[in-house]
Every structure is written in C-alpha cells, then in structure tokens.
Amino acid sequence: MKIPKIEKLPYFLAPQISGGIWRLNLRRDFHIYYFFVSLQVMLYCKYYIIFILSYLLPLLSVAQSGIYPEGKTVAARFGVPSGYHRTDTAPATFAFFLQRLPLLPPKTPVKFYDGVPNTASRPAAVIDMETGDKNLQQNVQTAIRLWAEYLFEQQRFADIHFHINNGELIPYEQWAQGMKLVINRKAYWTKTPSNPRLYQTFRRYLNFIFTNSDFQTLLQDLELSAATNIAPGDILVSGDDTGNDVVMVLDAAVHQETGETLVLLVSGGNPAQSIQVLQNTGENKTSDAWFPVNNDGVLMIDNRSIPTAQRYRFRSSSAALTK
C-alpha cells in the first residue's frame, strides 16, 4: 500500500502509523497540521514583518528620546518630555527665532571651518548655518552670530553693534553706510563703498567683529538677566575668563507639576566649527538633548558645571526676548 503524503491530506485524515496500521488521532493531527501551516505563513510574511518593524522601531525610539528625525527646525525635532511644557514665544522675538533655527539632517557631522569633520563631537543636532572658511567663529563669536542674525532678519540694523578689543563700539549702520574702521597703529574710520542691505556686507561686518572680539568684549555687550526663570536667549558662562564655556539657551521647558526646568543648549567650538545643539551625555538623563537645571541652579555639561544664577543676555535684547 502506498502511503500518501501528509501535506496532501486534510488534518482529519493525517495518519498515525502504529504497527503498520493507519490510525487517526484528530486532536494530535490538528496540532501538527496547525504548526506547519503557521510556519508556512510566517515564512511568507517575514518580509512584511521586517518592513513593518523598520517603521515601528524608530517610532518606539522617538517615543523614548523625544527626538523626531524628520523635524527640520529646533522646535520640530526636539519634542518636550512627558509632563513638560515648552516656553511660549511670540513671533518676531529672539526666542521664537531660536526655536525655529533650521537644522541639518540627523547624524550630520560637525565640521571645522576648513571642512574637516570633528570626529570627537557628538551633537544632538547641527544648525544649518555656515561657519565661514576662517578660524573666527568660536564659542564667543557663536553667541554674537546668533544674536546678529536675528537682528538682521528683523532689519533692526540700529541694534546691531558690538564692541571690539580696543574698546570701540562698532555700529552696523555706520558699516552699512560704507564707513569702515581701519585698525593700524590707531583706529580710524574710512569710507568704502558697499551695499548695506546685502547679506555679504553683513557677513564681512561680522568677520571684522569676530577678528577683533574676545570674551572680555562680549561681556561689554551683555547685561545680567533680571528674569526669574531661565529662558531662550540667555547666555551662560563658566567662572573663568577664557570664554571656552560660553553656551546659549536655545529652548526651555518647565514641568507642569514639579516646576523642574529643562533646557536645550547651543554652542560653537574652538577651533571654529559648526554651530551645534549639545547632546546630554550625563547619567539619569531625561533626554538625549534636554539638560536639567538642578536644585542648586547648576547645569552639568560633560562633567563641567555652569551656574545659571548669573545669566546674561545682549543689552538690547530684553524687549526682544519677552515681547
């Protein structure tokens, strides 16, 4: 007698052979049949499962980190952790400008001014803003750059003015009228034709400021913040006078019940390099990008402590930050 193949029989006819005699065991045969059918379905569906998981896993990761890779601005990419409320900002304010700074795609490397990648830097994101091809825009100059870019975008040319290291205040409006400060043995003004509203003119002005500015000149353009709470646009500095730990608050969020504050931070680097959103590498962190302000008012950034009690902002920025 030719024994038929099991896969050609319905489950209730699947044979059990004992001593050469065909015997039916409906319960056992059903489980065997169900196992092979399930296995076949899984083999057919494995590609669909992999396809679905390729979408689900990033979403699960986003839910944990609060970072949305498709976001093209600071506010769109960095969601606030559960229970926190992002600082409200009004249009045309500096805080609004910072929250909507454009970002380069995720995993874009930080690059030095000469285009060489900074392999030691692991930022949360990189701001989509050129750095220039000279070693000028370092930590101090990054704060100047962001404030100046905001004012230029708002066409508030009268508010664009910065001190340089000989004590002179250099207003952009004079620069825009074609007046240039020449520094030789003694600083003096000379007139050079230029188009005041061209962005290239603005960038040449900034390069001049960057070349002749440092941490001490930056302090001349800042004032202590009178606000109770830390806010976007605040500038934090370390206790020394090197300017190596100058960071700007990019965004802020407050817990609705506990009042705990989280901040996003932005900084440049030395040598000059891409403007970057700093990544939180500390232990017990709430997010990869948001930094908690502890009960002592101290921010911990890569084992460096930066106090927030003395927060600075640019002198003409008080109204721009709050109104």
C-alpha atoms as a PDB file:
ATOM      1  CA  MET A   1       0.000   0.000   0.000  1.00  0.00           C
ATOM      2  CA  LYS A   2       1.377   3.391  -0.973  1.00  0.00           C
ATOM      3  CA  ILE A   3       1.326   5.841   1.927  1.00  0.00           C
ATOM      4  CA  PRO A   4       0.036   9.217   0.777  1.00  0.00           C
ATOM      5  CA  LYS A   5       1.957  12.403   1.640  1.00  0.00           C
ATOM      6  CA  ILE A   6       0.657  14.083   4.765  1.00  0.00           C
ATOM      7  CA  GLU A   7       0.617  17.582   3.248  1.00  0.00           C
ATOM      8  CA  LYS A   8      -1.911  16.412   0.655  1.00  0.00           C
ATOM      9  CA  LEU A   9      -4.406  15.287   3.284  1.00  0.00           C
ATOM     10  CA  PRO A  10      -6.736  17.420   5.337  1.00  0.00           C
ATOM     11  CA  TYR A  11      -5.899  17.472   9.024  1.00  0.00           C
ATOM     12  CA  PHE A  12      -8.592  14.989   9.993  1.00  0.00           C
ATOM     13  CA  LEU A  13      -7.124  12.402   7.578  1.00  0.00           C
ATOM     14  CA  ALA A  14      -3.494  12.844   8.668  1.00  0.00           C
ATOM     15  CA  PRO A  15      -2.435   9.292   9.572  1.00  0.00           C
ATOM     16  CA  GLN A  16      -0.760   7.949  12.665  1.00  0.00           C
ATOM     17  CA  ILE A  17       1.077   4.711  11.898  1.00  0.00           C
ATOM     18  CA  SER A  18       1.379   2.119  14.646  1.00  0.00           C
ATOM     19  CA  GLY A  19       2.414  -1.395  13.762  1.00  0.00           C
ATOM     20  CA  GLY A  20       1.677  -0.793  10.077  1.00  0.00           C
ATOM     21  CA  ILE A  21      -1.917   0.137  10.855  1.00  0.00           C
ATOM     22  CA  TRP A  22      -3.394   3.546   9.971  1.00  0.00           C
ATOM     23  CA  ARG A  23      -4.900   5.233  12.992  1.00  0.00           C
ATOM     24  CA  LEU A  24      -6.482   8.628  13.310  1.00  0.00           C
ATOM     25  CA  ASN A  25      -5.827  10.989  16.265  1.00  0.00           C
ATOM     26  CA  LEU A  26      -7.854  14.070  15.479  1.00  0.00           C
ATOM     27  CA  ARG A  27      -6.578  16.179  18.373  1.00  0.00           C
ATOM     28  CA  ARG A  28      -2.905  15.436  17.775  1.00  0.00           C
ATOM     29  CA  ASP A  29      -3.201  15.685  13.996  1.00  0.00           C
ATOM     30  CA  PHE A  30      -4.829  19.094  14.264  1.00  0.00           C
ATOM     31  CA  HIS A  31      -1.891  20.486  16.253  1.00  0.00           C
ATOM     32  CA  ILE A  32       0.629  19.070  13.795  1.00  0.00           C
ATOM     33  CA  TYR A  33      -1.284  20.495  10.867  1.00  0.00           C
ATOM     34  CA  TYR A  34      -1.671  23.882  12.599  1.00  0.00           C
ATOM     35  CA  PHE A  35       2.065  24.024  13.348  1.00  0.00           C
ATOM     36  CA  PHE A  36       3.119  23.505   9.720  1.00  0.00           C
ATOM     37  CA  VAL A  37       0.524  25.939   8.392  1.00  0.00           C
ATOM     38  CA  SER A  38       1.638  28.581  10.885  1.00  0.00           C
ATOM     39  CA  LEU A  39       5.263  28.016   9.951  1.00  0.00           C
ATOM     40  CA  GLN A  40       4.459  28.430   6.268  1.00  0.00           C
ATOM     41  CA  VAL A  41       2.506  31.651   6.929  1.00  0.00           C
ATOM     42  CA  MET A  42       5.401  33.038   8.951  1.00  0.00           C
ATOM     43  CA  LEU A  43       7.854  32.291   6.152  1.00  0.00           C
ATOM     44  CA  TYR A  44       5.629  34.058   3.658  1.00  0.00           C
ATOM     45  CA  CYS A  45       5.076  37.027   5.973  1.00  0.00           C
ATOM     46  CA  LYS A  46       8.630  37.520   7.262  1.00  0.00           C
ATOM     47  CA  TYR A  47       9.336  40.242   4.728  1.00  0.00           C
ATOM     48  CA  TYR A  48       6.190  42.105   5.700  1.00  0.00           C
ATOM     49  CA  ILE A  49       7.076  41.789   9.369  1.00  0.00           C
ATOM     50  CA  ILE A  50      10.564  43.173   8.772  1.00  0.00           C
ATOM     51  CA  PHE A  51       9.071  46.008   6.705  1.00  0.00           C
ATOM     52  CA  ILE A  52       6.612  46.934   9.464  1.00  0.00           C
ATOM     53  CA  LEU A  53       9.253  46.725  12.202  1.00  0.00           C
ATOM     54  CA  SER A  54      11.547  49.034  10.221  1.00  0.00           C
ATOM     55  CA  TYR A  55       8.914  51.715  10.762  1.00  0.00           C
ATOM     56  CA  LEU A  56       7.830  50.767  14.271  1.00  0.00           C
ATOM     57  CA  LEU A  57      11.280  50.600  15.867  1.00  0.00           C
ATOM     58  CA  PRO A  58      12.243  54.199  15.000  1.00  0.00           C
ATOM     59  CA  LEU A  59       8.865  55.325  16.328  1.00  0.00           C
ATOM     60  CA  LEU A  60       9.466  53.479  19.584  1.00  0.00           C
ATOM     61  CA  SER A  61      12.890  55.112  19.820  1.00  0.00           C
ATOM     62  CA  VAL A  62      11.335  58.539  19.198  1.00  0.00           C
ATOM     63  CA  ALA A  63       8.790  57.941  21.932  1.00  0.00           C
ATOM     64  CA  GLN A  64      11.641  57.335  24.384  1.00  0.00           C
ATOM     65  CA  SER A  65      14.032  60.101  23.301  1.00  0.00           C
ATOM     66  CA  GLY A  66      11.578  62.794  22.175  1.00  0.00           C
ATOM     67  CA  ILE A  67      13.704  63.428  19.068  1.00  0.00           C
ATOM     68  CA  TYR A  68      11.865  63.490  15.740  1.00  0.00           C
ATOM     69  CA  PRO A  69      14.409  62.950  12.930  1.00  0.00           C
ATOM     70  CA  GLU A  70      12.111  64.381  10.268  1.00  0.00           C
ATOM     71  CA  GLY A  71      11.924  67.734  12.088  1.00  0.00           C
ATOM     72  CA  LYS A  72      13.711  70.482  10.185  1.00  0.00           C
ATOM     73  CA  THR A  73      13.760  73.099  12.971  1.00  0.00           C
ATOM     74  CA  VAL A  74      14.698  73.048  16.647  1.00  0.00           C
ATOM     75  CA  ALA A  75      11.082  73.042  17.849  1.00  0.00           C
ATOM     76  CA  ALA A  76      10.017  70.414  15.302  1.00  0.00           C
ATOM     77  CA  ARG A  77      12.859  67.972  16.023  1.00  0.00           C
ATOM     78  CA  PHE A  78      13.076  68.213  19.799  1.00  0.00           C
ATOM     79  CA  GLY A  79       9.797  67.395  21.492  1.00  0.00           C
ATOM     80  CA  VAL A  80       9.497  68.091  25.210  1.00  0.00           C
ATOM     81  CA  PRO A  81       9.448  65.087  27.577  1.00  0.00           C
ATOM     82  CA  SER A  82       6.146  63.983  29.069  1.00  0.00           C
ATOM     83  CA  GLY A  83       4.794  66.342  31.715  1.00  0.00           C
ATOM     84  CA  TYR A  84       6.787  69.349  30.499  1.00  0.00           C
ATOM     85  CA  HIS A  85       5.549  72.469  28.741  1.00  0.00           C
ATOM     86  CA  ARG A  86       7.696  74.317  26.222  1.00  0.00           C
ATOM     87  CA  THR A  87       8.297  78.029  26.773  1.00  0.00           C
ATOM     88  CA  ASP A  88       5.721  80.050  24.859  1.00  0.00           C
ATOM     89  CA  THR A  89       7.234  82.510  22.401  1.00  0.00           C
ATOM     90  CA  ALA A  90       5.689  85.303  20.376  1.00  0.00           C
ATOM     91  CA  PRO A  91       6.540  85.903  16.707  1.00  0.00           C
ATOM     92  CA  ALA A  92       9.414  88.308  15.989  1.00  0.00           C
ATOM     93  CA  THR A  93      11.094  87.594  19.344  1.00  0.00           C
ATOM     94  CA  PHE A  94      14.608  86.230  19.701  1.00  0.00           C
ATOM     95  CA  ALA A  95      13.241  83.131  21.459  1.00  0.00           C
ATOM     96  CA  PHE A  96      10.904  82.482  18.512  1.00  0.00           C
ATOM     97  CA  PHE A  97      13.876  82.866  16.138  1.00  0.00           C
ATOM     98  CA  LEU A  98      15.953  80.354  18.135  1.00  0.00           C
ATOM     99  CA  GLN A  99      13.195  77.748  18.320  1.00  0.00           C
ATOM    100  CA  ARG A 100      12.858  77.871  14.536  1.00  0.00           C
ATOM    101  CA  LEU A 101      16.511  77.722  13.588  1.00  0.00           C
ATOM    102  CA  PRO A 102      16.928  75.291  10.668  1.00  0.00           C
ATOM    103  CA  LEU A 103      18.728  72.015  11.306  1.00  0.00           C
ATOM    104  CA  LEU A 104      20.808  69.812   9.054  1.00  0.00           C
ATOM    105  CA  PRO A 105      19.683  66.163   8.648  1.00  0.00           C
ATOM    106  CA  PRO A 106      20.275  63.810  11.608  1.00  0.00           C
ATOM    107  CA  LYS A 107      23.790  62.389  12.015  1.00  0.00           C
ATOM    108  CA  THR A 108      25.304  65.278  10.040  1.00  0.00           C
ATOM    109  CA  PRO A 109      28.846  65.614  11.437  1.00  0.00           C
ATOM    110  CA  VAL A 110      30.208  68.764  12.988  1.00  0.00           C
ATOM    111  CA  LYS A 111      32.816  70.287  10.683  1.00  0.00           C
ATOM    112  CA  PHE A 112      35.677  72.645  11.375  1.00  0.00           C
ATOM    113  CA  TYR A 113      35.952  75.890   9.423  1.00  0.00           C
ATOM    114  CA  ASP A 114      38.198  74.150   6.871  1.00  0.00           C
ATOM    115  CA  GLY A 115      35.617  71.438   6.166  1.00  0.00           C
ATOM    116  CA  VAL A 116      37.335  68.675   8.136  1.00  0.00           C
ATOM    117  CA  PRO A 117      34.852  66.654  10.262  1.00  0.00           C
ATOM    118  CA  ASN A 118      35.191  66.922  14.029  1.00  0.00           C
ATOM    119  CA  THR A 119      35.058  63.210  14.840  1.00  0.00           C
ATOM    120  CA  ALA A 120      35.224  63.874  18.587  1.00  0.00           C
ATOM    121  CA  SER A 121      31.968  65.847  18.611  1.00  0.00           C
ATOM    122  CA  ARG A 122      28.658  64.045  19.157  1.00  0.00           C
ATOM    123  CA  PRO A 123      25.979  66.755  18.935  1.00  0.00           C
ATOM    124  CA  ALA A 124      22.236  66.287  19.262  1.00  0.00           C
ATOM    125  CA  ALA A 125      21.912  68.265  16.016  1.00  0.00           C
ATOM    126  CA  VAL A 126      23.808  70.709  13.798  1.00  0.00           C
ATOM    127  CA  ILE A 127      22.402  74.147  12.964  1.00  0.00           C
ATOM    128  CA  ASP A 128      22.073  74.814   9.239  1.00  0.00           C
ATOM    129  CA  MET A 129      24.262  77.938   9.190  1.00  0.00           C
ATOM    130  CA  GLU A 130      27.649  78.276   7.516  1.00  0.00           C
ATOM    131  CA  THR A 131      30.641  78.931   9.738  1.00  0.00           C
ATOM    132  CA  GLY A 132      32.922  80.658   7.271  1.00  0.00           C
ATOM    133  CA  ASP A 133      36.271  79.437   5.968  1.00  0.00           C
ATOM    134  CA  LYS A 134      38.450  81.112   8.607  1.00  0.00           C
ATOM    135  CA  ASN A 135      39.087  80.268  12.249  1.00  0.00           C
ATOM    136  CA  LEU A 136      36.973  83.161  13.521  1.00  0.00           C
ATOM    137  CA  GLN A 137      33.581  81.943  14.760  1.00  0.00           C
ATOM    138  CA  GLN A 138      34.453  80.198  18.013  1.00  0.00           C
ATOM    139  CA  ASN A 139      32.403  79.960  21.242  1.00  0.00           C
ATOM    140  CA  VAL A 140      32.202  83.678  21.963  1.00  0.00           C
ATOM    141  CA  GLN A 141      31.561  84.589  18.346  1.00  0.00           C
ATOM    142  CA  THR A 142      28.793  81.973  18.042  1.00  0.00           C
ATOM    143  CA  ALA A 143      26.687  83.876  20.579  1.00  0.00           C
ATOM    144  CA  ILE A 144      27.336  87.105  18.654  1.00  0.00           C
ATOM    145  CA  ARG A 145      26.429  85.393  15.366  1.00  0.00           C
ATOM    146  CA  LEU A 146      23.035  84.145  16.530  1.00  0.00           C
ATOM    147  CA  TRP A 147      22.012  87.498  18.001  1.00  0.00           C
ATOM    148  CA  ALA A 148      23.231  89.409  14.934  1.00  0.00           C
ATOM    149  CA  GLU A 149      21.450  87.023  12.536  1.00  0.00           C
ATOM    150  CA  TYR A 150      18.186  87.600  14.382  1.00  0.00           C
ATOM    151  CA  LEU A 151      18.553  91.392  14.219  1.00  0.00           C
ATOM    152  CA  PHE A 152      19.498  91.296  10.542  1.00  0.00           C
ATOM    153  CA  GLU A 153      16.470  89.122   9.744  1.00  0.00           C
ATOM    154  CA  GLN A 154      14.247  91.646  11.549  1.00  0.00           C
ATOM    155  CA  GLN A 155      16.041  94.515   9.739  1.00  0.00           C
ATOM    156  CA  ARG A 156      16.827  96.085  13.111  1.00  0.00           C
ATOM    157  CA  PHE A 157      20.106  97.462  11.818  1.00  0.00           C
ATOM    158  CA  ALA A 158      20.340 100.136  14.530  1.00  0.00           C
ATOM    159  CA  ASP A 159      20.536  97.395  17.182  1.00  0.00           C
ATOM    160  CA  ILE A 160      23.463  95.635  15.526  1.00  0.00           C
ATOM    161  CA  HIS A 161      26.534  96.932  17.332  1.00  0.00           C
ATOM    162  CA  PHE A 162      29.362  95.156  19.122  1.00  0.00           C
ATOM    163  CA  HIS A 163      32.496  96.135  20.994  1.00  0.00           C
ATOM    164  CA  ILE A 164      35.944  95.164  19.786  1.00  0.00           C
ATOM    165  CA  ASN A 165      39.116  94.714  21.805  1.00  0.00           C
ATOM    166  CA  ASN A 166      40.319  98.305  21.516  1.00  0.00           C
ATOM    167  CA  GLY A 167      37.171  99.476  23.314  1.00  0.00           C
ATOM    168  CA  GLU A 168      35.406 100.838  20.227  1.00  0.00           C
ATOM    169  CA  LEU A 169      31.713 100.193  19.679  1.00  0.00           C
ATOM    170  CA  ILE A 170      31.158  99.285  16.032  1.00  0.00           C
ATOM    171  CA  PRO A 171      27.589 100.023  14.826  1.00  0.00           C
ATOM    172  CA  TYR A 172      26.441  98.154  11.759  1.00  0.00           C
ATOM    173  CA  GLU A 173      24.551 101.203  10.479  1.00  0.00           C
ATOM    174  CA  GLN A 174      27.813 103.065  10.024  1.00  0.00           C
ATOM    175  CA  TRP A 175      29.211  99.997   8.308  1.00  0.00           C
ATOM    176  CA  ALA A 176      26.085  99.856   6.164  1.00  0.00           C
ATOM    177  CA  GLN A 177      26.691 103.458   5.091  1.00  0.00           C
ATOM    178  CA  GLY A 178      30.077 102.432   3.796  1.00  0.00           C
ATOM    179  CA  MET A 179      32.124 103.521   6.820  1.00  0.00           C
ATOM    180  CA  LYS A 180      34.791 101.015   7.805  1.00  0.00           C
ATOM    181  CA  LEU A 181      37.029 101.084  10.868  1.00  0.00           C
ATOM    182  CA  VAL A 182      40.667 100.525   9.947  1.00  0.00           C
ATOM    183  CA  ILE A 183      42.878  99.306  12.774  1.00  0.00           C
ATOM    184  CA  ASN A 184      46.558 100.116  12.342  1.00  0.00           C
ATOM    185  CA  ARG A 185      48.549 101.883  14.980  1.00  0.00           C
ATOM    186  CA  LYS A 186      45.388 103.817  15.741  1.00  0.00           C
ATOM    187  CA  ALA A 187      41.780 103.062  14.851  1.00  0.00           C
ATOM    188  CA  TYR A 188      40.154 105.453  12.414  1.00  0.00           C
ATOM    189  CA  TRP A 189      37.127 105.489  10.127  1.00  0.00           C
ATOM    190  CA  THR A 190      37.380 105.488   6.370  1.00  0.00           C
ATOM    191  CA  LYS A 191      34.632 105.376   3.762  1.00  0.00           C
ATOM    192  CA  THR A 192      34.442 102.419   1.406  1.00  0.00           C
ATOM    193  CA  PRO A 193      31.503 101.942  -0.974  1.00  0.00           C
ATOM    194  CA  SER A 194      29.288  98.937  -0.150  1.00  0.00           C
ATOM    195  CA  ASN A 195      25.698  97.796  -0.434  1.00  0.00           C
ATOM    196  CA  PRO A 196      24.377  97.997   3.142  1.00  0.00           C
ATOM    197  CA  ARG A 197      21.485  95.536   2.811  1.00  0.00           C
ATOM    198  CA  LEU A 198      23.380  92.750   1.113  1.00  0.00           C
ATOM    199  CA  TYR A 199      23.937  89.718   3.313  1.00  0.00           C
ATOM    200  CA  GLN A 200      27.541  89.595   2.073  1.00  0.00           C
ATOM    201  CA  THR A 201      28.087  93.055   3.571  1.00  0.00           C
ATOM    202  CA  PHE A 202      26.633  91.864   6.843  1.00  0.00           C
ATOM    203  CA  ARG A 203      28.938  88.816   6.871  1.00  0.00           C
ATOM    204  CA  ARG A 204      32.007  90.945   6.184  1.00  0.00           C
ATOM    205  CA  TYR A 205      30.992  93.115   9.133  1.00  0.00           C
ATOM    206  CA  LEU A 206      30.692  90.033  11.348  1.00  0.00           C
ATOM    207  CA  ASN A 207      34.085  88.732  10.234  1.00  0.00           C
ATOM    208  CA  PHE A 208      35.571  92.065  11.263  1.00  0.00           C
ATOM    209  CA  ILE A 209      33.853  91.823  14.660  1.00  0.00           C
ATOM    210  CA  PHE A 210      34.941  88.203  15.103  1.00  0.00           C
ATOM    211  CA  THR A 211      38.553  89.048  14.287  1.00  0.00           C
ATOM    212  CA  ASN A 212      38.640  91.757  16.952  1.00  0.00           C
ATOM    213  CA  SER A 213      36.461  90.286  19.710  1.00  0.00           C
ATOM    214  CA  ASP A 214      37.028  88.000  22.675  1.00  0.00           C
ATOM    215  CA  PHE A 215      35.364  87.041  25.930  1.00  0.00           C
ATOM    216  CA  GLN A 216      36.010  90.424  27.523  1.00  0.00           C
ATOM    217  CA  THR A 217      34.494  92.347  24.623  1.00  0.00           C
ATOM    218  CA  LEU A 218      31.460  90.055  24.727  1.00  0.00           C
ATOM    219  CA  LEU A 219      30.875  90.958  28.374  1.00  0.00           C
ATOM    220  CA  GLN A 220      30.699  94.623  27.360  1.00  0.00           C
ATOM    221  CA  ASP A 221      27.719  93.797  25.141  1.00  0.00           C
ATOM    222  CA  LEU A 222      25.887  91.755  27.783  1.00  0.00           C
ATOM    223  CA  GLU A 223      23.853  92.548  30.861  1.00  0.00           C
ATOM    224  CA  LEU A 224      22.639  90.356  33.708  1.00  0.00           C
ATOM    225  CA  SER A 225      19.202  88.908  33.156  1.00  0.00           C
ATOM    226  CA  ALA A 226      16.579  90.256  35.517  1.00  0.00           C
ATOM    227  CA  ALA A 227      14.124  87.465  34.683  1.00  0.00           C
ATOM    228  CA  THR A 228      13.257  84.927  37.376  1.00  0.00           C
ATOM    229  CA  ASN A 229      13.303  81.895  35.103  1.00  0.00           C
ATOM    230  CA  ILE A 230      15.897  80.784  32.612  1.00  0.00           C
ATOM    231  CA  ALA A 231      14.732  81.473  29.051  1.00  0.00           C
ATOM    232  CA  PRO A 232      15.754  81.020  25.397  1.00  0.00           C
ATOM    233  CA  GLY A 233      18.457  83.530  24.506  1.00  0.00           C
ATOM    234  CA  ASP A 234      20.093  83.512  27.933  1.00  0.00           C
ATOM    235  CA  ILE A 235      23.875  83.199  27.822  1.00  0.00           C
ATOM    236  CA  LEU A 236      25.704  81.109  30.406  1.00  0.00           C
ATOM    237  CA  VAL A 237      29.414  81.347  31.104  1.00  0.00           C
ATOM    238  CA  SER A 238      31.854  79.498  33.320  1.00  0.00           C
ATOM    239  CA  GLY A 239      33.696  81.160  36.155  1.00  0.00           C
ATOM    240  CA  ASP A 240      36.928  81.741  34.237  1.00  0.00           C
ATOM    241  CA  ASP A 241      37.768  84.418  31.678  1.00  0.00           C
ATOM    242  CA  THR A 242      38.664  82.173  28.747  1.00  0.00           C
ATOM    243  CA  GLY A 243      35.230  82.081  27.151  1.00  0.00           C
ATOM    244  CA  ASN A 244      35.596  78.357  26.484  1.00  0.00           C
ATOM    245  CA  ASP A 245      32.347  77.595  28.305  1.00  0.00           C
ATOM    246  CA  VAL A 246      30.017  80.115  26.673  1.00  0.00           C
ATOM    247  CA  VAL A 247      26.706  78.463  25.824  1.00  0.00           C
ATOM    248  CA  MET A 248      23.347  79.912  24.846  1.00  0.00           C
ATOM    249  CA  VAL A 249      19.964  78.601  25.935  1.00  0.00           C
ATOM    250  CA  LEU A 250      18.219  77.538  22.752  1.00  0.00           C
ATOM    251  CA  ASP A 251      14.905  76.475  24.277  1.00  0.00           C
ATOM    252  CA  ALA A 252      13.365  75.778  27.685  1.00  0.00           C
ATOM    253  CA  ALA A 253      10.608  73.621  29.138  1.00  0.00           C
ATOM    254  CA  VAL A 254       9.075  73.519  32.629  1.00  0.00           C
ATOM    255  CA  HIS A 255       7.436  70.557  34.353  1.00  0.00           C
ATOM    256  CA  GLN A 256       3.794  71.363  34.982  1.00  0.00           C
ATOM    257  CA  GLU A 257       3.754  69.831  38.477  1.00  0.00           C
ATOM    258  CA  THR A 258       7.269  69.917  39.909  1.00  0.00           C
ATOM    259  CA  GLY A 259       8.463  73.122  38.235  1.00  0.00           C
ATOM    260  CA  GLU A 260      11.709  71.461  37.148  1.00  0.00           C
ATOM    261  CA  THR A 261      13.324  73.210  34.185  1.00  0.00           C
ATOM    262  CA  LEU A 262      14.943  71.590  31.159  1.00  0.00           C
ATOM    263  CA  VAL A 263      16.943  73.478  28.553  1.00  0.00           C
ATOM    264  CA  LEU A 264      18.375  72.918  25.093  1.00  0.00           C
ATOM    265  CA  LEU A 265      21.853  74.390  24.681  1.00  0.00           C
ATOM    266  CA  VAL A 266      23.709  75.637  21.619  1.00  0.00           C
ATOM    267  CA  SER A 267      27.384  76.384  21.236  1.00  0.00           C
ATOM    268  CA  GLY A 268      30.262  76.673  18.809  1.00  0.00           C
ATOM    269  CA  GLY A 269      33.762  75.439  19.455  1.00  0.00           C
ATOM    270  CA  ASN A 270      37.452  76.116  19.372  1.00  0.00           C
ATOM    271  CA  PRO A 271      38.751  75.984  16.648  1.00  0.00           C
ATOM    272  CA  ALA A 272      35.800  77.451  14.744  1.00  0.00           C
ATOM    273  CA  GLN A 273      33.263  74.797  13.805  1.00  0.00           C
ATOM    274  CA  SER A 274      29.598  74.152  13.093  1.00  0.00           C
ATOM    275  CA  ILE A 275      27.039  75.608  15.489  1.00  0.00           C
ATOM    276  CA  GLN A 276      25.655  72.619  17.355  1.00  0.00           C
ATOM    277  CA  VAL A 277      22.851  71.640  19.689  1.00  0.00           C
ATOM    278  CA  LEU A 278      24.656  69.987  22.593  1.00  0.00           C
ATOM    279  CA  GLN A 279      23.939  66.382  23.499  1.00  0.00           C
ATOM    280  CA  ASN A 280      23.280  65.412  27.096  1.00  0.00           C
ATOM    281  CA  THR A 281      25.714  62.592  27.905  1.00  0.00           C
ATOM    282  CA  GLY A 282      25.089  62.598  31.649  1.00  0.00           C
ATOM    283  CA  GLU A 283      23.666  59.782  33.738  1.00  0.00           C
ATOM    284  CA  ASN A 284      19.979  59.630  34.723  1.00  0.00           C
ATOM    285  CA  LYS A 285      19.132  61.975  31.878  1.00  0.00           C
ATOM    286  CA  THR A 286      15.551  62.672  30.835  1.00  0.00           C
ATOM    287  CA  SER A 287      16.507  63.118  27.194  1.00  0.00           C
ATOM    288  CA  ASP A 288      19.482  62.981  24.858  1.00  0.00           C
ATOM    289  CA  ALA A 289      19.209  66.720  24.237  1.00  0.00           C
ATOM    290  CA  TRP A 290      17.438  68.378  27.178  1.00  0.00           C
ATOM    291  CA  PHE A 291      19.584  69.341  30.187  1.00  0.00           C
ATOM    292  CA  PRO A 292      18.010  69.566  33.655  1.00  0.00           C
ATOM    293  CA  VAL A 293      18.745  72.559  35.859  1.00  0.00           C
ATOM    294  CA  ASN A 294      19.365  71.057  39.304  1.00  0.00           C
ATOM    295  CA  ASN A 295      18.106  72.436  42.604  1.00  0.00           C
ATOM    296  CA  ASP A 296      21.323  74.411  43.077  1.00  0.00           C
ATOM    297  CA  GLY A 297      20.817  76.170  39.745  1.00  0.00           C
ATOM    298  CA  VAL A 298      23.739  74.384  38.119  1.00  0.00           C
ATOM    299  CA  LEU A 299      23.928  72.805  34.663  1.00  0.00           C
ATOM    300  CA  MET A 300      26.199  69.798  34.229  1.00  0.00           C
ATOM    301  CA  ILE A 301      27.678  69.614  30.716  1.00  0.00           C
ATOM    302  CA  ASP A 302      30.196  66.822  30.133  1.00  0.00           C
ATOM    303  CA  ASN A 303      31.307  66.897  33.774  1.00  0.00           C
ATOM    304  CA  ARG A 304      31.594  70.692  33.652  1.00  0.00           C
ATOM    305  CA  SER A 305      29.371  72.717  35.947  1.00  0.00           C
ATOM    306  CA  ILE A 306      27.944  76.009  34.707  1.00  0.00           C
ATOM    307  CA  PRO A 307      25.927  78.120  37.171  1.00  0.00           C
ATOM    308  CA  THR A 308      22.645  79.611  35.982  1.00  0.00           C
ATOM    309  CA  ALA A 309      22.238  82.181  38.768  1.00  0.00           C
ATOM    310  CA  GLN A 310      24.178  84.719  36.703  1.00  0.00           C
ATOM    311  CA  ARG A 311      22.585  84.629  33.303  1.00  0.00           C
ATOM    312  CA  TYR A 312      23.370  87.166  30.627  1.00  0.00           C
ATOM    313  CA  ARG A 313      21.616  88.474  27.560  1.00  0.00           C
ATOM    314  CA  PHE A 314      22.544  91.062  24.954  1.00  0.00           C
ATOM    315  CA  ARG A 315      21.837  94.585  26.145  1.00  0.00           C
ATOM    316  CA  SER A 316      19.235  95.462  23.550  1.00  0.00           C
ATOM    317  CA  SER A 317      17.569  92.066  23.742  1.00  0.00           C
ATOM    318  CA  SER A 318      15.402  92.487  26.847  1.00  0.00           C
ATOM    319  CA  ALA A 319      12.349  93.624  24.934  1.00  0.00           C
ATOM    320  CA  ALA A 320      13.041  91.248  22.039  1.00  0.00           C
ATOM    321  CA  LEU A 321      13.121  88.251  24.349  1.00  0.00           C
ATOM    322  CA  THR A 322       9.921  88.964  26.225  1.00  0.00           C
ATOM    323  CA  LYS A 323       7.564  90.919  23.978  1.00  0.00           C
END
